[in-house]
N, C-alpha and C. Protein backbone atom coordinates (compact mmCIF):
# COMPACT_ATOMS: atom_id res chain seq x y z
N ALA A 1 7.72 -0.62 16.10
CA ALA A 1 7.97 -2.04 16.25
C ALA A 1 8.20 -2.35 17.72
N PRO A 2 7.68 -3.47 18.21
CA PRO A 2 7.76 -3.74 19.64
C PRO A 2 9.15 -4.11 20.14
N ARG A 3 9.95 -4.78 19.33
CA ARG A 3 11.26 -5.23 19.83
C ARG A 3 12.16 -4.05 20.20
N PRO A 4 12.34 -3.04 19.36
CA PRO A 4 13.16 -1.89 19.78
C PRO A 4 12.58 -1.16 21.00
N ALA A 5 11.25 -1.07 21.06
CA ALA A 5 10.64 -0.39 22.20
C ALA A 5 10.89 -1.15 23.49
N LEU A 6 10.72 -2.47 23.46
CA LEU A 6 10.92 -3.29 24.65
C LEU A 6 12.38 -3.38 25.05
N ALA A 7 13.28 -3.15 24.10
CA ALA A 7 14.71 -3.15 24.39
C ALA A 7 15.18 -1.79 24.91
N GLY A 8 14.30 -0.79 24.90
CA GLY A 8 14.67 0.54 25.36
C GLY A 8 15.30 1.40 24.28
N ARG A 9 15.33 0.93 23.04
CA ARG A 9 16.00 1.67 21.97
C ARG A 9 15.24 2.95 21.60
N ASP A 10 13.90 2.90 21.61
CA ASP A 10 13.12 4.11 21.32
C ASP A 10 13.38 5.18 22.38
N ALA A 11 13.38 4.75 23.64
CA ALA A 11 13.63 5.69 24.73
C ALA A 11 15.06 6.24 24.65
N LEU A 12 15.99 5.41 24.19
CA LEU A 12 17.38 5.85 24.06
C LEU A 12 17.51 7.03 23.11
N ARG A 13 16.85 6.96 21.96
CA ARG A 13 16.92 8.08 21.01
C ARG A 13 16.44 9.37 21.64
N ARG A 14 15.30 9.31 22.31
CA ARG A 14 14.74 10.50 22.94
C ARG A 14 15.65 11.03 24.04
N LEU A 15 16.19 10.11 24.84
CA LEU A 15 17.07 10.51 25.93
C LEU A 15 18.33 11.20 25.41
N LEU A 16 18.90 10.68 24.34
CA LEU A 16 20.10 11.30 23.78
C LEU A 16 19.81 12.69 23.24
N ILE A 17 18.66 12.87 22.63
CA ILE A 17 18.28 14.19 22.13
C ILE A 17 18.18 15.18 23.29
N LEU A 18 17.48 14.79 24.35
CA LEU A 18 17.33 15.67 25.52
C LEU A 18 18.68 15.93 26.18
N ALA A 19 19.51 14.90 26.29
CA ALA A 19 20.83 15.07 26.92
C ALA A 19 21.66 16.07 26.15
N ARG A 20 21.68 15.96 24.85
CA ARG A 20 22.49 16.87 24.03
C ARG A 20 21.96 18.30 24.09
N GLU A 21 20.64 18.44 24.12
CA GLU A 21 20.05 19.77 24.25
C GLU A 21 20.41 20.40 25.60
N ALA A 22 20.57 19.55 26.62
CA ALA A 22 20.93 20.05 27.96
C ALA A 22 22.43 20.25 28.11
N GLY A 23 23.20 19.93 27.06
CA GLY A 23 24.64 20.11 27.12
C GLY A 23 25.40 18.87 27.55
N GLY A 24 24.71 17.75 27.68
CA GLY A 24 25.37 16.51 28.09
C GLY A 24 25.98 15.78 26.91
N PRO A 25 27.29 15.58 26.92
CA PRO A 25 27.97 14.95 25.79
C PRO A 25 27.86 13.42 25.83
N LEU A 26 26.64 12.90 25.76
CA LEU A 26 26.43 11.46 25.86
C LEU A 26 26.32 10.80 24.50
N GLU A 27 26.78 9.56 24.44
CA GLU A 27 26.60 8.69 23.28
C GLU A 27 25.80 7.49 23.74
N ALA A 28 25.26 6.73 22.81
CA ALA A 28 24.44 5.57 23.14
C ALA A 28 25.16 4.61 24.08
N ALA A 29 26.45 4.40 23.88
CA ALA A 29 27.22 3.47 24.72
C ALA A 29 27.33 3.94 26.17
N ASP A 30 27.08 5.23 26.42
CA ASP A 30 27.17 5.78 27.77
C ASP A 30 25.92 5.51 28.62
N VAL A 31 24.86 5.04 27.98
CA VAL A 31 23.57 4.88 28.66
C VAL A 31 23.39 3.44 29.11
N VAL A 32 23.09 3.25 30.38
CA VAL A 32 22.80 1.93 30.93
C VAL A 32 21.34 1.61 30.58
N ILE A 33 21.12 0.47 29.90
CA ILE A 33 19.76 0.08 29.53
C ILE A 33 19.45 -1.28 30.14
N GLU A 34 18.35 -1.35 30.88
CA GLU A 34 17.85 -2.59 31.43
C GLU A 34 16.48 -2.86 30.80
N PRO A 35 16.44 -3.71 29.76
CA PRO A 35 15.18 -3.94 29.06
C PRO A 35 14.17 -4.75 29.90
N LEU A 36 12.93 -4.71 29.48
CA LEU A 36 11.86 -5.44 30.15
C LEU A 36 12.05 -6.94 30.03
N LEU A 37 12.53 -7.39 28.89
CA LEU A 37 12.64 -8.82 28.61
C LEU A 37 14.09 -9.29 28.73
N PRO A 38 14.28 -10.59 28.98
CA PRO A 38 15.65 -11.13 29.02
C PRO A 38 16.37 -10.93 27.68
N GLU A 39 17.70 -10.90 27.74
CA GLU A 39 18.54 -10.59 26.59
C GLU A 39 18.29 -11.48 25.38
N GLU A 40 17.97 -12.76 25.59
CA GLU A 40 17.79 -13.68 24.46
C GLU A 40 16.63 -13.28 23.54
N PHE A 41 15.73 -12.44 24.01
CA PHE A 41 14.61 -11.98 23.18
C PHE A 41 15.09 -11.08 22.04
N PHE A 42 16.25 -10.45 22.21
CA PHE A 42 16.68 -9.42 21.28
C PHE A 42 17.70 -9.91 20.25
N SER A 43 17.97 -11.20 20.25
CA SER A 43 18.82 -11.77 19.21
C SER A 43 17.97 -12.72 18.38
N GLY A 44 18.37 -12.97 17.16
CA GLY A 44 17.60 -13.86 16.30
C GLY A 44 16.58 -13.11 15.47
N SER A 45 15.78 -13.87 14.80
CA SER A 45 14.80 -13.31 13.86
C SER A 45 13.62 -12.69 14.60
N LEU A 46 12.87 -11.89 13.86
CA LEU A 46 11.65 -11.30 14.42
C LEU A 46 10.64 -12.40 14.73
N GLU A 47 10.61 -13.41 13.90
CA GLU A 47 9.69 -14.54 14.13
C GLU A 47 10.02 -15.24 15.45
N SER A 48 11.31 -15.45 15.72
CA SER A 48 11.69 -16.10 16.99
C SER A 48 11.35 -15.19 18.18
N PHE A 49 11.46 -13.87 17.97
CA PHE A 49 11.08 -12.93 19.01
C PHE A 49 9.61 -13.12 19.39
N TYR A 50 8.74 -13.15 18.38
CA TYR A 50 7.31 -13.30 18.65
C TYR A 50 6.99 -14.67 19.26
N THR A 51 7.70 -15.71 18.86
CA THR A 51 7.48 -17.03 19.44
C THR A 51 7.86 -17.03 20.91
N ARG A 52 9.03 -16.46 21.23
CA ARG A 52 9.46 -16.36 22.64
C ARG A 52 8.48 -15.51 23.44
N LEU A 53 8.06 -14.40 22.85
CA LEU A 53 7.16 -13.49 23.55
C LEU A 53 5.83 -14.17 23.88
N GLU A 54 5.31 -14.94 22.94
CA GLU A 54 4.05 -15.65 23.18
C GLU A 54 4.18 -16.63 24.35
N LYS A 55 5.30 -17.34 24.41
CA LYS A 55 5.53 -18.29 25.50
C LYS A 55 5.75 -17.57 26.83
N TYR A 56 6.30 -16.37 26.78
CA TYR A 56 6.63 -15.59 27.98
C TYR A 56 5.43 -14.79 28.50
N GLU A 57 4.40 -14.68 27.70
CA GLU A 57 3.24 -13.85 28.05
C GLU A 57 2.63 -14.20 29.41
N PRO A 58 2.48 -15.49 29.78
CA PRO A 58 1.94 -15.77 31.12
C PRO A 58 2.80 -15.21 32.26
N VAL A 59 4.11 -15.20 32.09
CA VAL A 59 5.00 -14.63 33.10
C VAL A 59 4.74 -13.13 33.23
N LEU A 60 4.65 -12.44 32.09
CA LEU A 60 4.38 -11.00 32.12
C LEU A 60 3.02 -10.71 32.74
N ALA A 61 2.01 -11.51 32.39
CA ALA A 61 0.67 -11.31 32.94
C ALA A 61 0.67 -11.49 34.46
N GLU A 62 1.40 -12.50 34.94
CA GLU A 62 1.49 -12.73 36.38
C GLU A 62 2.19 -11.56 37.08
N GLN A 63 3.25 -11.06 36.46
CA GLN A 63 3.96 -9.92 37.03
C GLN A 63 3.05 -8.70 37.10
N GLU A 64 2.31 -8.45 36.03
CA GLU A 64 1.40 -7.29 36.00
C GLU A 64 0.29 -7.43 37.04
N GLU A 65 -0.24 -8.63 37.22
CA GLU A 65 -1.29 -8.85 38.22
C GLU A 65 -0.75 -8.61 39.63
N SER A 66 0.48 -9.05 39.88
CA SER A 66 1.11 -8.81 41.18
C SER A 66 1.29 -7.31 41.44
N LEU A 67 1.72 -6.60 40.41
CA LEU A 67 1.88 -5.14 40.54
C LEU A 67 0.53 -4.48 40.80
N ARG A 68 -0.48 -4.86 40.04
CA ARG A 68 -1.82 -4.28 40.18
C ARG A 68 -2.34 -4.48 41.60
N ALA A 69 -2.11 -5.68 42.16
CA ALA A 69 -2.58 -5.99 43.52
C ALA A 69 -1.90 -5.09 44.56
N ARG A 70 -0.70 -4.63 44.26
CA ARG A 70 0.02 -3.73 45.17
C ARG A 70 -0.18 -2.26 44.81
N GLY A 71 -1.05 -1.97 43.82
CA GLY A 71 -1.31 -0.58 43.44
C GLY A 71 -0.19 0.04 42.63
N LEU A 72 0.58 -0.78 41.92
CA LEU A 72 1.72 -0.30 41.16
C LEU A 72 1.56 -0.59 39.68
N ARG A 73 2.33 0.12 38.88
CA ARG A 73 2.45 -0.14 37.45
C ARG A 73 3.93 -0.14 37.10
N ARG A 74 4.28 -0.79 36.01
CA ARG A 74 5.67 -0.84 35.56
C ARG A 74 5.80 0.06 34.34
N ARG A 75 6.84 0.91 34.37
CA ARG A 75 7.07 1.85 33.28
C ARG A 75 8.55 1.91 32.95
N PHE A 76 8.85 2.11 31.66
CA PHE A 76 10.22 2.41 31.26
C PHE A 76 10.48 3.85 31.66
N VAL A 77 11.53 4.09 32.42
CA VAL A 77 11.88 5.45 32.83
C VAL A 77 13.32 5.71 32.40
N ALA A 78 13.48 6.74 31.63
CA ALA A 78 14.81 7.18 31.21
C ALA A 78 15.23 8.32 32.13
N SER A 79 16.42 8.21 32.69
CA SER A 79 16.91 9.22 33.64
C SER A 79 18.19 9.84 33.11
N LEU A 80 18.29 11.13 33.28
CA LEU A 80 19.48 11.89 32.91
C LEU A 80 19.80 12.80 34.08
N TYR A 81 21.05 12.75 34.56
CA TYR A 81 21.42 13.60 35.67
C TYR A 81 22.93 13.83 35.66
N ARG A 82 23.32 14.86 36.38
CA ARG A 82 24.74 15.20 36.50
C ARG A 82 25.22 14.88 37.90
N GLU A 83 26.43 14.36 37.96
CA GLU A 83 27.14 14.18 39.22
C GLU A 83 28.41 15.01 39.09
N GLY A 84 28.37 16.22 39.61
CA GLY A 84 29.49 17.15 39.41
C GLY A 84 29.56 17.52 37.94
N THR A 85 30.66 17.16 37.30
CA THR A 85 30.80 17.48 35.87
C THR A 85 30.47 16.29 34.98
N LEU A 86 30.18 15.14 35.58
CA LEU A 86 29.87 13.93 34.81
C LEU A 86 28.37 13.80 34.56
N TRP A 87 28.02 13.42 33.35
CA TRP A 87 26.63 13.15 32.99
C TRP A 87 26.38 11.65 33.08
N ARG A 88 25.25 11.27 33.63
CA ARG A 88 24.86 9.87 33.76
C ARG A 88 23.47 9.70 33.13
N ALA A 89 23.26 8.54 32.56
CA ALA A 89 21.96 8.27 31.96
C ALA A 89 21.65 6.78 32.07
N ALA A 90 20.37 6.48 32.27
CA ALA A 90 19.94 5.09 32.36
C ALA A 90 18.50 4.98 31.89
N ILE A 91 18.17 3.80 31.39
CA ILE A 91 16.79 3.48 31.01
C ILE A 91 16.47 2.17 31.70
N ARG A 92 15.50 2.21 32.60
CA ARG A 92 15.16 1.03 33.39
C ARG A 92 13.66 0.91 33.56
N MET A 93 13.22 -0.32 33.75
CA MET A 93 11.84 -0.55 34.15
C MET A 93 11.75 -0.18 35.62
N GLN A 94 10.74 0.59 35.97
CA GLN A 94 10.53 0.96 37.36
C GLN A 94 9.10 0.67 37.76
N GLU A 95 8.93 0.27 39.00
CA GLU A 95 7.59 0.11 39.55
C GLU A 95 7.20 1.45 40.17
N VAL A 96 6.06 2.00 39.73
CA VAL A 96 5.65 3.32 40.20
C VAL A 96 4.23 3.25 40.75
N GLY A 97 3.98 4.10 41.74
CA GLY A 97 2.66 4.19 42.36
C GLY A 97 1.91 5.41 41.86
N VAL A 98 0.71 5.61 42.40
CA VAL A 98 -0.17 6.68 41.95
C VAL A 98 0.42 8.07 42.13
N GLU A 99 1.41 8.22 43.01
CA GLU A 99 2.03 9.52 43.23
C GLU A 99 2.97 9.92 42.09
N SER A 100 3.28 8.99 41.23
CA SER A 100 4.21 9.25 40.13
C SER A 100 3.47 9.65 38.86
N PRO A 101 3.98 10.67 38.14
CA PRO A 101 3.35 11.02 36.86
C PRO A 101 3.48 9.90 35.84
N TYR A 102 4.44 9.00 36.02
CA TYR A 102 4.60 7.88 35.09
C TYR A 102 3.46 6.87 35.23
N TYR A 103 2.89 6.79 36.40
CA TYR A 103 1.79 5.85 36.66
C TYR A 103 0.62 6.10 35.71
N TRP A 104 0.37 7.36 35.40
CA TRP A 104 -0.83 7.75 34.68
C TRP A 104 -0.67 7.71 33.16
N LEU A 105 0.46 7.30 32.66
CA LEU A 105 0.67 7.22 31.21
C LEU A 105 -0.24 6.16 30.60
N ASP A 106 -0.71 6.45 29.41
CA ASP A 106 -1.60 5.52 28.71
C ASP A 106 -1.27 5.56 27.22
N GLY A 107 -1.29 4.40 26.58
CA GLY A 107 -1.08 4.35 25.14
C GLY A 107 0.28 4.90 24.74
N THR A 108 0.29 5.86 23.84
CA THR A 108 1.55 6.41 23.32
C THR A 108 1.99 7.69 24.06
N GLN A 109 1.36 7.97 25.19
CA GLN A 109 1.72 9.19 25.92
C GLN A 109 3.16 9.12 26.44
N ASN A 110 3.75 10.28 26.58
CA ASN A 110 5.08 10.44 27.17
C ASN A 110 4.99 11.49 28.26
N VAL A 111 5.90 11.40 29.20
CA VAL A 111 5.99 12.43 30.23
C VAL A 111 7.46 12.72 30.48
N THR A 112 7.76 13.98 30.67
CA THR A 112 9.11 14.40 31.04
C THR A 112 8.99 15.12 32.38
N VAL A 113 9.82 14.71 33.33
CA VAL A 113 9.82 15.33 34.65
C VAL A 113 11.20 15.95 34.86
N ILE A 114 11.20 17.25 35.10
CA ILE A 114 12.46 17.98 35.29
C ILE A 114 12.56 18.38 36.76
N HIS A 115 13.62 17.87 37.40
CA HIS A 115 13.87 18.19 38.80
C HIS A 115 14.96 19.25 38.87
N SER A 116 14.76 20.22 39.73
CA SER A 116 15.81 21.21 39.97
C SER A 116 15.86 21.48 41.47
N GLU A 117 17.00 21.89 41.92
CA GLU A 117 17.21 22.10 43.34
C GLU A 117 16.28 23.18 43.88
N GLY A 118 15.60 22.86 44.98
CA GLY A 118 14.78 23.85 45.67
C GLY A 118 13.46 24.16 45.01
N ALA A 119 13.01 23.34 44.06
CA ALA A 119 11.74 23.60 43.38
C ALA A 119 10.98 22.29 43.20
N TYR A 120 9.68 22.42 43.03
CA TYR A 120 8.88 21.25 42.71
C TYR A 120 9.23 20.81 41.29
N PRO A 121 9.08 19.52 41.00
CA PRO A 121 9.37 19.05 39.64
C PRO A 121 8.42 19.68 38.61
N LEU A 122 8.97 19.93 37.44
CA LEU A 122 8.18 20.41 36.31
C LEU A 122 7.78 19.17 35.51
N VAL A 123 6.48 18.97 35.30
CA VAL A 123 5.97 17.79 34.60
C VAL A 123 5.37 18.22 33.27
N ILE A 124 5.89 17.63 32.20
CA ILE A 124 5.40 17.91 30.85
C ILE A 124 4.87 16.60 30.29
N LYS A 125 3.59 16.56 29.96
CA LYS A 125 2.97 15.31 29.50
C LYS A 125 2.25 15.57 28.18
N GLY A 126 2.35 14.61 27.27
CA GLY A 126 1.65 14.76 26.00
C GLY A 126 1.70 13.48 25.20
N SER A 127 1.12 13.55 24.03
CA SER A 127 1.06 12.38 23.15
C SER A 127 2.44 12.07 22.60
N GLY A 128 2.73 10.79 22.53
CA GLY A 128 3.92 10.33 21.82
C GLY A 128 3.56 10.20 20.35
N GLU A 129 4.51 9.79 19.58
CA GLU A 129 4.29 9.72 18.14
C GLU A 129 3.26 8.66 17.77
N GLY A 130 3.45 7.44 18.20
CA GLY A 130 2.52 6.37 17.84
C GLY A 130 2.62 6.01 16.36
N ALA A 131 2.03 4.90 15.99
CA ALA A 131 2.13 4.37 14.62
C ALA A 131 1.51 5.30 13.58
N THR A 132 0.34 5.88 13.89
CA THR A 132 -0.34 6.73 12.92
C THR A 132 0.46 7.98 12.60
N LEU A 133 0.93 8.66 13.64
CA LEU A 133 1.71 9.87 13.40
C LEU A 133 3.03 9.55 12.71
N ALA A 134 3.66 8.43 13.07
CA ALA A 134 4.91 8.04 12.41
C ALA A 134 4.67 7.79 10.93
N ALA A 135 3.60 7.08 10.60
CA ALA A 135 3.29 6.80 9.20
C ALA A 135 3.00 8.09 8.44
N ASN A 136 2.25 8.99 9.06
CA ASN A 136 1.97 10.28 8.41
C ASN A 136 3.25 11.07 8.16
N GLY A 137 4.17 11.06 9.12
CA GLY A 137 5.44 11.75 8.94
C GLY A 137 6.26 11.17 7.81
N ILE A 138 6.28 9.86 7.69
CA ILE A 138 7.03 9.20 6.61
C ILE A 138 6.41 9.55 5.27
N ILE A 139 5.11 9.52 5.18
CA ILE A 139 4.43 9.87 3.91
C ILE A 139 4.72 11.31 3.53
N LYS A 140 4.67 12.21 4.50
CA LYS A 140 4.98 13.62 4.22
C LYS A 140 6.40 13.78 3.73
N ASP A 141 7.35 13.03 4.35
CA ASP A 141 8.75 13.10 3.91
C ASP A 141 8.91 12.61 2.48
N ILE A 142 8.19 11.56 2.13
CA ILE A 142 8.28 11.00 0.77
C ILE A 142 7.71 11.96 -0.23
N LEU A 143 6.60 12.60 0.09
CA LEU A 143 5.92 13.49 -0.85
C LEU A 143 6.57 14.87 -0.93
N ALA A 144 7.41 15.20 0.03
CA ALA A 144 8.02 16.53 0.05
C ALA A 144 9.10 16.69 -0.97
């Protein structure tokens, strides 16, 4: 569904899973989320969401054209890092250029970039779940 994705909720689930696997004791409330759309889009009915989105589409198109003219793309980027013993996490829209692995994402693809001191980043890229795989997983769960 587009509303949770645009609010950063899909990315939040993935980020929390990775954080916990890395030993970070994070909860959803610990993550700073800056969604693509203004806050009023995420309250009210789904119908009102689509009505607002349709009216807002020219603004988004203009923003995308401006980015394209500067050789940039906008991507949701979830970040997890440690500051001493504290874990920090955020999900924000970022403008990225061709040097970024996020620039090259298409469709349902995901990328994870792992930075470590004194080494080049490790980049892991692959298909995200997408609607078809999600539906297949639900059907398999029901039939199991």
